[in-house]
C-alpha atoms as a PDB file:
ATOM      1  CA  MET A   1     330.726 115.072  14.291  1.00  0.00           C
ATOM      2  CA  ARG A   2     327.649 117.183  13.726  1.00  0.00           C
ATOM      3  CA  ARG A   3     325.328 114.602  15.537  1.00  0.00           C
ATOM      4  CA  ARG A   4     327.739 114.585  18.623  1.00  0.00           C
ATOM      5  CA  LEU A   5     327.547 118.406  18.728  1.00  0.00           C
ATOM      6  CA  ALA A   6     324.011 118.697  17.873  1.00  0.00           C
ATOM      7  CA  PRO A   7     322.763 117.880  21.646  1.00  0.00           C
ATOM      8  CA  TYR A   8     325.241 120.427  23.066  1.00  0.00           C
ATOM      9  CA  LEU A   9     324.429 123.255  20.446  1.00  0.00           C
ATOM     10  CA  LEU A  10     320.548 122.726  21.318  1.00  0.00           C
ATOM     11  CA  VAL A  11     321.257 123.203  25.206  1.00  0.00           C
ATOM     12  CA  LEU A  12     323.595 126.142  24.490  1.00  0.00           C
ATOM     13  CA  PRO A  13     321.222 129.114  24.317  1.00  0.00           C
ATOM     14  CA  GLY A  14     319.346 128.005  27.335  1.00  0.00           C
ATOM     15  CA  GLY A  15     322.598 127.416  29.246  1.00  0.00           C
ATOM     16  CA  LEU A  16     324.091 130.852  28.333  1.00  0.00           C
ATOM     17  CA  TRP A  17     320.791 132.380  29.355  1.00  0.00           C
ATOM     18  CA  LEU A  18     320.835 130.613  32.810  1.00  0.00           C
ATOM     19  CA  ALA A  19     324.650 131.515  33.178  1.00  0.00           C
ATOM     20  CA  ILE A  20     324.230 135.233  32.390  1.00  0.00           C
ATOM     21  CA  PHE A  21     320.938 135.818  34.265  1.00  0.00           C
ATOM     22  CA  PHE A  22     321.001 133.399  37.107  1.00  0.00           C
ATOM     23  CA  VAL A  23     324.309 131.806  37.879  1.00  0.00           C
ATOM     24  CA  LEU A  24     326.311 135.198  37.431  1.00  0.00           C
ATOM     25  CA  PRO A  25     323.698 137.216  39.493  1.00  0.00           C
ATOM     26  CA  MET A  26     323.777 134.665  42.431  1.00  0.00           C
ATOM     27  CA  VAL A  27     327.703 134.746  42.752  1.00  0.00           C
ATOM     28  CA  VAL A  28     327.525 138.622  42.873  1.00  0.00           C
ATOM     29  CA  MET A  29     325.057 138.235  45.310  1.00  0.00           C
ATOM     30  CA  LEU A  30     326.909 135.769  47.311  1.00  0.00           C
ATOM     31  CA  SER A  31     330.004 137.829  47.175  1.00  0.00           C
ATOM     32  CA  PHE A  32     327.768 140.940  48.475  1.00  0.00           C
ATOM     33  CA  SER A  33     326.738 138.975  51.464  1.00  0.00           C
ATOM     34  CA  LEU A  34     330.339 138.417  52.679  1.00  0.00           C
ATOM     35  CA  MET A  35     331.043 142.059  52.116  1.00  0.00           C
ATOM     36  CA  GLN A  36     331.401 145.124  54.645  1.00  0.00           C
ATOM     37  CA  GLY A  37     330.907 148.752  54.021  1.00  0.00           C
ATOM     38  CA  ASP A  38     328.318 151.209  52.896  1.00  0.00           C
ATOM     39  CA  VAL A  39     327.197 152.886  49.709  1.00  0.00           C
ATOM     40  CA  VAL A  40     329.285 156.251  50.642  1.00  0.00           C
ATOM     41  CA  ASN A  41     332.560 154.454  51.227  1.00  0.00           C
ATOM     42  CA  GLY A  42     331.910 151.406  49.217  1.00  0.00           C
ATOM     43  CA  PHE A  43     331.867 147.717  49.913  1.00  0.00           C
ATOM     44  CA  GLN A  44     334.763 145.441  50.453  1.00  0.00           C
ATOM     45  CA  LEU A  45     334.919 141.718  50.305  1.00  0.00           C
ATOM     46  CA  THR A  46     336.144 140.757  53.796  1.00  0.00           C
ATOM     47  CA  TRP A  47     334.494 137.409  54.135  1.00  0.00           C
ATOM     48  CA  HIS A  48     332.214 138.468  56.796  1.00  0.00           C
ATOM     49  CA  TRP A  49     330.045 135.649  57.653  1.00  0.00           C
ATOM     50  CA  GLN A  50     328.723 137.250  60.882  1.00  0.00           C
ATOM     51  CA  ASN A  51     326.271 138.871  58.371  1.00  0.00           C
ATOM     52  CA  TYR A  52     324.191 135.673  58.232  1.00  0.00           C
ATOM     53  CA  THR A  53     323.945 135.539  62.059  1.00  0.00           C
ATOM     54  CA  ASP A  54     323.322 138.995  62.368  1.00  0.00           C
ATOM     55  CA  SER A  55     320.582 139.040  59.789  1.00  0.00           C
ATOM     56  CA  LEU A  56     318.760 135.992  61.103  1.00  0.00           C
ATOM     57  CA  SER A  57     318.758 137.276  64.613  1.00  0.00           C
ATOM     58  CA  ALA A  58     317.594 140.568  63.762  1.00  0.00           C
ATOM     59  CA  TYR A  59     314.756 139.439  61.550  1.00  0.00           C
ATOM     60  CA  ALA A  60     313.653 136.057  62.877  1.00  0.00           C
ATOM     61  CA  ASP A  61     310.354 137.039  63.451  1.00  0.00           C
ATOM     62  CA  GLN A  62     309.704 138.172  59.929  1.00  0.00           C
ATOM     63  CA  LEU A  63     311.349 135.021  58.568  1.00  0.00           C
ATOM     64  CA  ILE A  64     309.251 132.641  60.858  1.00  0.00           C
ATOM     65  CA  ARG A  65     305.983 134.732  60.037  1.00  0.00           C
ATOM     66  CA  SER A  66     306.826 134.098  56.177  1.00  0.00           C
ATOM     67  CA  LEU A  67     307.187 130.299  56.471  1.00  0.00           C
ATOM     68  CA  VAL A  68     303.865 130.126  58.491  1.00  0.00           C
ATOM     69  CA  TYR A  69     302.025 132.335  56.093  1.00  0.00           C
ATOM     70  CA  GLY A  70     303.624 130.040  53.047  1.00  0.00           C
ATOM     71  CA  LEU A  71     302.336 126.963  54.637  1.00  0.00           C
ATOM     72  CA  LEU A  72     298.937 128.033  55.591  1.00  0.00           C
ATOM     73  CA  ALA A  73     298.732 129.512  51.798  1.00  0.00           C
ATOM     74  CA  THR A  74     299.786 126.320  50.255  1.00  0.00           C
ATOM     75  CA  ALA A  75     297.572 124.221  52.485  1.00  0.00           C
ATOM     76  CA  ALA A  76     294.561 126.433  51.432  1.00  0.00           C
ATOM     77  CA  CYS A  77     295.746 126.282  47.873  1.00  0.00           C
ATOM     78  CA  VAL A  78     295.659 122.395  47.955  1.00  0.00           C
ATOM     79  CA  LEU A  79     292.182 122.399  49.607  1.00  0.00           C
ATOM     80  CA  LEU A  80     290.781 124.467  47.080  1.00  0.00           C
ATOM     81  CA  ALA A  81     292.779 123.606  43.882  1.00  0.00           C
ATOM     82  CA  TYR A  82     292.034 119.781  44.482  1.00  0.00           C
ATOM     83  CA  PRO A  83     288.197 119.692  44.117  1.00  0.00           C
ATOM     84  CA  ALA A  84     288.483 122.152  41.191  1.00  0.00           C
ATOM     85  CA  ALA A  85     291.109 120.192  39.184  1.00  0.00           C
ATOM     86  CA  TYR A  86     289.376 116.978  40.097  1.00  0.00           C
ATOM     87  CA  TRP A  87     285.884 118.497  38.582  1.00  0.00           C
ATOM     88  CA  ILE A  88     287.578 119.720  35.593  1.00  0.00           C
ATOM     89  CA  ALA A  89     289.501 116.591  34.865  1.00  0.00           C
ATOM     90  CA  PHE A  90     286.328 114.228  35.434  1.00  0.00           C
ATOM     91  CA  ARG A  91     283.319 116.320  34.821  1.00  0.00           C
ATOM     92  CA  GLY A  92     284.695 119.077  32.487  1.00  0.00           C
ATOM     93  CA  GLY A  93     283.680 117.249  29.567  1.00  0.00           C
ATOM     94  CA  THR A  94     284.324 118.998  26.241  1.00  0.00           C
ATOM     95  CA  ARG A  95     284.558 122.406  28.059  1.00  0.00           C
ATOM     96  CA  LYS A  96     287.705 121.370  29.883  1.00  0.00           C
ATOM     97  CA  SER A  97     289.892 124.008  28.100  1.00  0.00           C
ATOM     98  CA  THR A  98     287.390 126.733  28.689  1.00  0.00           C
ATOM     99  CA  TYR A  99     287.332 126.097  32.487  1.00  0.00           C
ATOM    100  CA  LEU A 100     291.036 125.973  32.530  1.00  0.00           C
ATOM    101  CA  PHE A 101     291.146 129.288  30.604  1.00  0.00           C
ATOM    102  CA  LEU A 102     288.679 130.806  33.137  1.00  0.00           C
ATOM    103  CA  MET A 103     290.880 129.673  35.818  1.00  0.00           C
ATOM    104  CA  LEU A 104     293.922 131.459  34.215  1.00  0.00           C
ATOM    105  CA  LEU A 105     292.028 134.545  32.973  1.00  0.00           C
ATOM    106  CA  PRO A 106     293.088 136.587  36.164  1.00  0.00           C
ATOM    107  CA  PHE A 107     296.670 136.047  35.154  1.00  0.00           C
ATOM    108  CA  PHE A 108     295.766 138.591  32.415  1.00  0.00           C
ATOM    109  CA  VAL A 109     295.850 141.231  34.821  1.00  0.00           C
ATOM    110  CA  SER A 110     298.855 142.710  36.514  1.00  0.00           C
ATOM    111  CA  PHE A 111     299.851 140.864  39.796  1.00  0.00           C
ATOM    112  CA  VAL A 112     299.953 144.431  41.651  1.00  0.00           C
ATOM    113  CA  LEU A 113     296.374 145.124  40.324  1.00  0.00           C
ATOM    114  CA  ARG A 114     294.778 141.908  41.241  1.00  0.00           C
ATOM    115  CA  THR A 115     296.265 142.274  44.829  1.00  0.00           C
ATOM    116  CA  PHE A 116     294.878 146.018  45.042  1.00  0.00           C
ATOM    117  CA  SER A 117     291.387 144.757  44.013  1.00  0.00           C
ATOM    118  CA  TRP A 118     291.401 142.643  47.313  1.00  0.00           C
ATOM    119  CA  LYS A 119     292.170 145.664  49.226  1.00  0.00           C
ATOM    120  CA  PHE A 120     288.931 147.443  47.798  1.00  0.00           C
ATOM    121  CA  LEU A 121     286.934 144.015  48.323  1.00  0.00           C
ATOM    122  CA  LEU A 122     288.223 143.806  52.180  1.00  0.00           C
ATOM    123  CA  ALA A 123     287.975 147.366  52.925  1.00  0.00           C
ATOM    124  CA  ASP A 124     286.239 148.344  56.114  1.00  0.00           C
ATOM    125  CA  ASP A 125     283.343 149.871  54.093  1.00  0.00           C
ATOM    126  CA  GLY A 126     283.796 147.875  51.146  1.00  0.00           C
ATOM    127  CA  ILE A 127     281.382 145.807  49.212  1.00  0.00           C
ATOM    128  CA  VAL A 128     281.680 142.724  51.508  1.00  0.00           C
ATOM    129  CA  LEU A 129     282.081 144.497  54.916  1.00  0.00           C
ATOM    130  CA  GLY A 130     279.980 147.463  54.207  1.00  0.00           C
ATOM    131  CA  PRO A 131     276.741 146.009  53.808  1.00  0.00           C
ATOM    132  CA  LEU A 132     277.182 143.694  56.652  1.00  0.00           C
ATOM    133  CA  LYS A 133     278.094 146.657  59.126  1.00  0.00           C
ATOM    134  CA  HIS A 134     275.017 148.577  57.876  1.00  0.00           C
ATOM    135  CA  ALA A 135     272.827 145.670  58.653  1.00  0.00           C
ATOM    136  CA  GLY A 136     274.170 145.259  62.016  1.00  0.00           C
ATOM    137  CA  LEU A 137     275.546 141.952  61.669  1.00  0.00           C
ATOM    138  CA  LEU A 138     279.133 143.145  62.159  1.00  0.00           C
ATOM    139  CA  PRO A 139     280.392 145.477  64.531  1.00  0.00           C
ATOM    140  CA  GLU A 140     281.601 149.090  63.324  1.00  0.00           C
ATOM    141  CA  ASP A 141     285.287 148.546  64.618  1.00  0.00           C
ATOM    142  CA  PHE A 142     285.720 145.024  62.559  1.00  0.00           C
ATOM    143  CA  HIS A 143     288.218 144.901  60.055  1.00  0.00           C
ATOM    144  CA  VAL A 144     290.037 142.474  57.853  1.00  0.00           C
ATOM    145  CA  LEU A 145     292.877 144.398  56.350  1.00  0.00           C
ATOM    146  CA  ALA A 146     295.949 144.746  58.195  1.00  0.00           C
ATOM    147  CA  THR A 147     295.736 141.167  59.592  1.00  0.00           C
ATOM    148  CA  GLY A 148     297.174 137.938  58.826  1.00  0.00           C
ATOM    149  CA  PHE A 149     294.143 136.511  57.237  1.00  0.00           C
ATOM    150  CA  ALA A 150     294.100 138.933  54.654  1.00  0.00           C
ATOM    151  CA  VAL A 151     297.582 138.578  53.653  1.00  0.00           C
ATOM    152  CA  VAL A 152     297.282 134.687  53.624  1.00  0.00           C
ATOM    153  CA  ALA A 153     293.798 135.121  51.518  1.00  0.00           C
ATOM    154  CA  GLY A 154     295.638 137.297  49.165  1.00  0.00           C
ATOM    155  CA  LEU A 155     298.432 134.791  48.745  1.00  0.00           C
ATOM    156  CA  THR A 156     296.009 132.041  48.314  1.00  0.00           C
ATOM    157  CA  TYR A 157     294.153 133.997  45.417  1.00  0.00           C
ATOM    158  CA  ASN A 158     297.188 135.036  43.565  1.00  0.00           C
ATOM    159  CA  TYR A 159     298.998 131.689  43.474  1.00  0.00           C
ATOM    160  CA  LEU A 160     296.047 129.194  43.228  1.00  0.00           C
ATOM    161  CA  PRO A 161     296.654 128.424  39.418  1.00  0.00           C
ATOM    162  CA  PHE A 162     300.044 127.418  40.216  1.00  0.00           C
ATOM    163  CA  MET A 163     298.397 124.568  42.318  1.00  0.00           C
ATOM    164  CA  VAL A 164     295.553 123.775  40.088  1.00  0.00           C
ATOM    165  CA  LEU A 165     297.308 123.127  36.852  1.00  0.00           C
ATOM    166  CA  PRO A 166     299.725 120.522  38.144  1.00  0.00           C
ATOM    167  CA  ILE A 167     297.032 118.632  39.948  1.00  0.00           C
ATOM    168  CA  TYR A 168     294.777 118.656  36.909  1.00  0.00           C
ATOM    169  CA  VAL A 169     297.554 117.459  34.695  1.00  0.00           C
ATOM    170  CA  ALA A 170     297.921 114.657  37.155  1.00  0.00           C
ATOM    171  CA  LEU A 171     294.328 113.891  37.370  1.00  0.00           C
ATOM    172  CA  GLU A 172     293.938 114.059  33.739  1.00  0.00           C
ATOM    173  CA  ARG A 173     296.242 111.265  33.108  1.00  0.00           C
ATOM    174  CA  VAL A 174     294.245 108.728  35.407  1.00  0.00           C
ATOM    175  CA  ASP A 175     292.673 106.236  33.303  1.00  0.00           C
ATOM    176  CA  PRO A 176     288.918 105.975  33.982  1.00  0.00           C
ATOM    177  CA  ARG A 177     289.011 102.259  33.626  1.00  0.00           C
ATOM    178  CA  LEU A 178     291.062 101.877  36.747  1.00  0.00           C
ATOM    179  CA  ILE A 179     288.426 103.464  38.615  1.00  0.00           C
ATOM    180  CA  GLU A 180     285.764 101.154  37.019  1.00  0.00           C
ATOM    181  CA  ALA A 181     287.832  98.290  37.892  1.00  0.00           C
ATOM    182  CA  ALA A 182     288.069  99.167  41.356  1.00  0.00           C
ATOM    183  CA  GLN A 183     284.192  99.497  41.782  1.00  0.00           C
ATOM    184  CA  ASP A 184     284.008  96.174  39.803  1.00  0.00           C
ATOM    185  CA  LEU A 185     285.948  94.790  42.975  1.00  0.00           C
ATOM    186  CA  TYR A 186     283.287  96.340  45.322  1.00  0.00           C
ATOM    187  CA  ALA A 187     284.921  99.505  46.197  1.00  0.00           C
ATOM    188  CA  GLY A 188     282.957 102.581  46.905  1.00  0.00           C
ATOM    189  CA  ARG A 189     283.803 105.945  45.497  1.00  0.00           C
ATOM    190  CA  ALA A 190     285.559 107.044  48.659  1.00  0.00           C
ATOM    191  CA  GLN A 191     287.481 103.862  48.678  1.00  0.00           C
ATOM    192  CA  ALA A 192     288.128 104.038  44.912  1.00  0.00           C
ATOM    193  CA  PHE A 193     289.308 107.871  45.171  1.00  0.00           C
ATOM    194  CA  LEU A 194     291.521 106.922  48.181  1.00  0.00           C
ATOM    195  CA  ARG A 195     293.272 103.943  46.901  1.00  0.00           C
ATOM    196  CA  VAL A 196     293.299 104.986  43.060  1.00  0.00           C
ATOM    197  CA  VAL A 197     292.849 108.499  42.190  1.00  0.00           C
ATOM    198  CA  LEU A 198     294.565 110.101  45.356  1.00  0.00           C
ATOM    199  CA  PRO A 199     297.841 107.927  44.860  1.00  0.00           C
ATOM    200  CA  LEU A 200     298.007 108.608  41.230  1.00  0.00           C
ATOM    201  CA  SER A 201     297.582 112.263  41.615  1.00  0.00           C
ATOM    202  CA  VAL A 202     300.511 112.539  44.189  1.00  0.00           C
ATOM    203  CA  PRO A 203     302.831 113.906  41.609  1.00  0.00           C
ATOM    204  CA  GLY A 204     300.794 116.902  40.807  1.00  0.00           C
ATOM    205  CA  VAL A 205     300.204 117.639  44.441  1.00  0.00           C
ATOM    206  CA  PHE A 206     304.235 117.481  44.726  1.00  0.00           C
ATOM    207  CA  ALA A 207     304.649 119.662  41.942  1.00  0.00           C
ATOM    208  CA  GLY A 208     301.894 122.170  43.080  1.00  0.00           C
ATOM    209  CA  VAL A 209     303.350 122.559  46.579  1.00  0.00           C
ATOM    210  CA  LEU A 210     306.804 123.262  45.226  1.00  0.00           C
ATOM    211  CA  MET A 211     305.480 125.766  42.567  1.00  0.00           C
ATOM    212  CA  THR A 212     303.516 127.523  45.312  1.00  0.00           C
ATOM    213  CA  PHE A 213     305.281 127.388  48.724  1.00  0.00           C
ATOM    214  CA  VAL A 214     308.396 128.862  47.347  1.00  0.00           C
ATOM    215  CA  PRO A 215     307.247 131.988  45.732  1.00  0.00           C
ATOM    216  CA  VAL A 216     304.606 132.331  48.558  1.00  0.00           C
ATOM    217  CA  SER A 217     307.146 132.594  51.160  1.00  0.00           C
ATOM    218  CA  ALA A 218     309.307 134.952  49.497  1.00  0.00           C
ATOM    219  CA  ASP A 219     306.328 137.269  48.380  1.00  0.00           C
ATOM    220  CA  TYR A 220     306.247 141.005  49.535  1.00  0.00           C
ATOM    221  CA  VAL A 221     303.663 142.342  47.323  1.00  0.00           C
ATOM    222  CA  ASN A 222     300.594 140.750  49.532  1.00  0.00           C
ATOM    223  CA  ALA A 223     301.862 142.030  52.825  1.00  0.00           C
ATOM    224  CA  THR A 224     302.688 145.323  51.734  1.00  0.00           C
ATOM    225  CA  VAL A 225     299.092 146.019  50.289  1.00  0.00           C
ATOM    226  CA  LEU A 226     296.898 143.631  52.447  1.00  0.00           C
ATOM    227  CA  GLY A 227     298.911 143.501  55.852  1.00  0.00           C
ATOM    228  CA  GLY A 228     300.079 145.738  58.203  1.00  0.00           C
ATOM    229  CA  THR A 229     303.066 146.582  60.609  1.00  0.00           C
ATOM    230  CA  ASN A 230     302.397 143.286  62.342  1.00  0.00           C
ATOM    231  CA  ASN A 231     302.257 141.310  59.106  1.00  0.00           C
ATOM    232  CA  THR A 232     305.702 142.127  57.579  1.00  0.00           C
ATOM    233  CA  MET A 233     307.208 139.225  55.645  1.00  0.00           C
ATOM    234  CA  ILE A 234     310.968 138.513  54.936  1.00  0.00           C
ATOM    235  CA  GLY A 235     310.432 139.887  51.224  1.00  0.00           C
ATOM    236  CA  ASN A 236     309.428 143.217  52.666  1.00  0.00           C
ATOM    237  CA  VAL A 237     312.484 143.292  54.809  1.00  0.00           C
ATOM    238  CA  ILE A 238     314.706 142.249  51.813  1.00  0.00           C
ATOM    239  CA  GLN A 239     313.171 144.882  49.707  1.00  0.00           C
ATOM    240  CA  ASN A 240     313.967 147.774  52.625  1.00  0.00           C
ATOM    241  CA  LEU A 241     317.313 146.530  52.915  1.00  0.00           C
ATOM    242  CA  TYR A 242     318.089 146.614  49.333  1.00  0.00           C
ATOM    243  CA  LEU A 243     316.025 149.861  48.159  1.00  0.00           C
ATOM    244  CA  VAL A 244     315.711 151.809  51.190  1.00  0.00           C
ATOM    245  CA  ASN A 245     318.631 151.350  53.615  1.00  0.00           C
ATOM    246  CA  ASN A 246     321.118 150.333  50.980  1.00  0.00           C
ATOM    247  CA  ASP A 247     322.533 147.516  53.187  1.00  0.00           C
ATOM    248  CA  TYR A 248     323.392 145.096  50.517  1.00  0.00           C
ATOM    249  CA  PRO A 249     325.629 142.850  52.559  1.00  0.00           C
ATOM    250  CA  GLN A 250     322.559 142.226  55.017  1.00  0.00           C
ATOM    251  CA  ALA A 251     320.035 141.980  51.995  1.00  0.00           C
ATOM    252  CA  ALA A 252     321.995 139.436  50.210  1.00  0.00           C
ATOM    253  CA  ALA A 253     322.834 137.419  53.373  1.00  0.00           C
ATOM    254  CA  LEU A 254     319.088 137.223  54.070  1.00  0.00           C
ATOM    255  CA  SER A 255     318.485 136.150  50.655  1.00  0.00           C
ATOM    256  CA  PHE A 256     320.617 133.496  50.584  1.00  0.00           C
ATOM    257  CA  ALA A 257     319.725 132.289  54.162  1.00  0.00           C
ATOM    258  CA  LEU A 258     315.790 132.079  53.062  1.00  0.00           C
ATOM    259  CA  MET A 259     317.003 130.420  49.864  1.00  0.00           C
ATOM    260  CA  ALA A 260     318.675 127.768  51.937  1.00  0.00           C
ATOM    261  CA  ILE A 261     315.958 127.481  54.415  1.00  0.00           C
ATOM    262  CA  LEU A 262     313.491 126.892  51.608  1.00  0.00           C
ATOM    263  CA  LEU A 263     315.883 124.254  49.982  1.00  0.00           C
ATOM    264  CA  LEU A 264     316.224 122.422  53.090  1.00  0.00           C
ATOM    265  CA  GLY A 265     312.291 122.376  53.395  1.00  0.00           C
ATOM    266  CA  ILE A 266     311.887 121.186  49.882  1.00  0.00           C
ATOM    267  CA  PHE A 267     314.330 118.148  50.538  1.00  0.00           C
ATOM    268  CA  ALA A 268     312.910 117.282  53.729  1.00  0.00           C
ATOM    269  CA  TYR A 269     309.390 117.345  52.001  1.00  0.00           C
ATOM    270  CA  ALA A 270     310.505 115.336  49.096  1.00  0.00           C
ATOM    271  CA  ARG A 271     312.142 112.694  51.354  1.00  0.00           C
ATOM    272  CA  ALA A 272     308.984 112.436  53.588  1.00  0.00           C
ATOM    273  CA  LEU A 273     306.898 112.108  50.521  1.00  0.00           C
ATOM    274  CA  GLY A 274     309.200 109.518  48.648  1.00  0.00           C
ATOM    275  CA  THR A 275     310.596 111.191  45.498  1.00  0.00           C
ATOM    276  CA  GLU A 276     311.248 108.053  44.183  1.00  0.00           C
ATOM    277  CA  ASP A 277     307.842 106.769  44.475  1.00  0.00           C
ATOM    278  CA  VAL A 278     306.388 109.997  43.194  1.00  0.00           C
ATOM    279  CA  LEU A 279     308.370 109.706  40.060  1.00  0.00           C
ATOM    280  CA  GLU A 280     307.685 106.317  39.654  1.00  0.00           C
ATOM    281  CA  VAL A 281     303.901 106.835  39.890  1.00  0.00           C
ATOM    282  CA  ALA A 282     304.319 109.677  37.477  1.00  0.00           C
ATOM    283  CA  ALA A 283     306.055 107.578  35.129  1.00  0.00           C
ATOM    284  CA  ARG A 284     303.417 105.154  34.711  1.00  0.00           C
END
């Protein structure tokens, strides 16, 4: 009897935690998304599905901008993370742990402080643009802050480790003898990479994209600190609806709409990449 109950008892603490702090808040938020009313008179559950259409039509621009910024930042993370993870995995030697620690070192500083550091770095008279303007290499009215580039750059910097670690884990599992065998069969370095290393690292890229794209698309800190009025993301809208306007039904509906769009995107991405093939490669 104890042996039968042991697996369930082990799962029970985690299951209760998820039920209390994930499932229950989701149910409450779902009920709020179908309510009508205000803070003064209270909210009532009226099954008002129009909250979804109203929120999507009112904030379509911010939603599209968030998805575009998320795709750009995720693509930038892949381009930057893959070479770094590859070098650490195959050239790091005995100092791999040190390089990974340096990669994660910024995480010991608050997310908000790291974002504000980019604001000082990209300021009009900051340590980067200031000397270039004084040297006459840039016009005086040139600026980077309050642009889409600044927001995407901040997102890329803050979420880069989420891409590096899964790719590194996948590359670390690649048997060097497979590369040697490919070279013995007269494959060049590029061909060995494309036919051996890259396919075996796809599970890491798959996991990294998921771990990066979802939080990046819903982020609001980088758009608030580094962006302007024309760079508002959907996370900023949801924050204002909840905390400033106290419009809980629209905020909840917009949150669920965003989650549904991200889930559809993830399923489409997994289907296009071939989840079964990825899992099969990862299991080898």
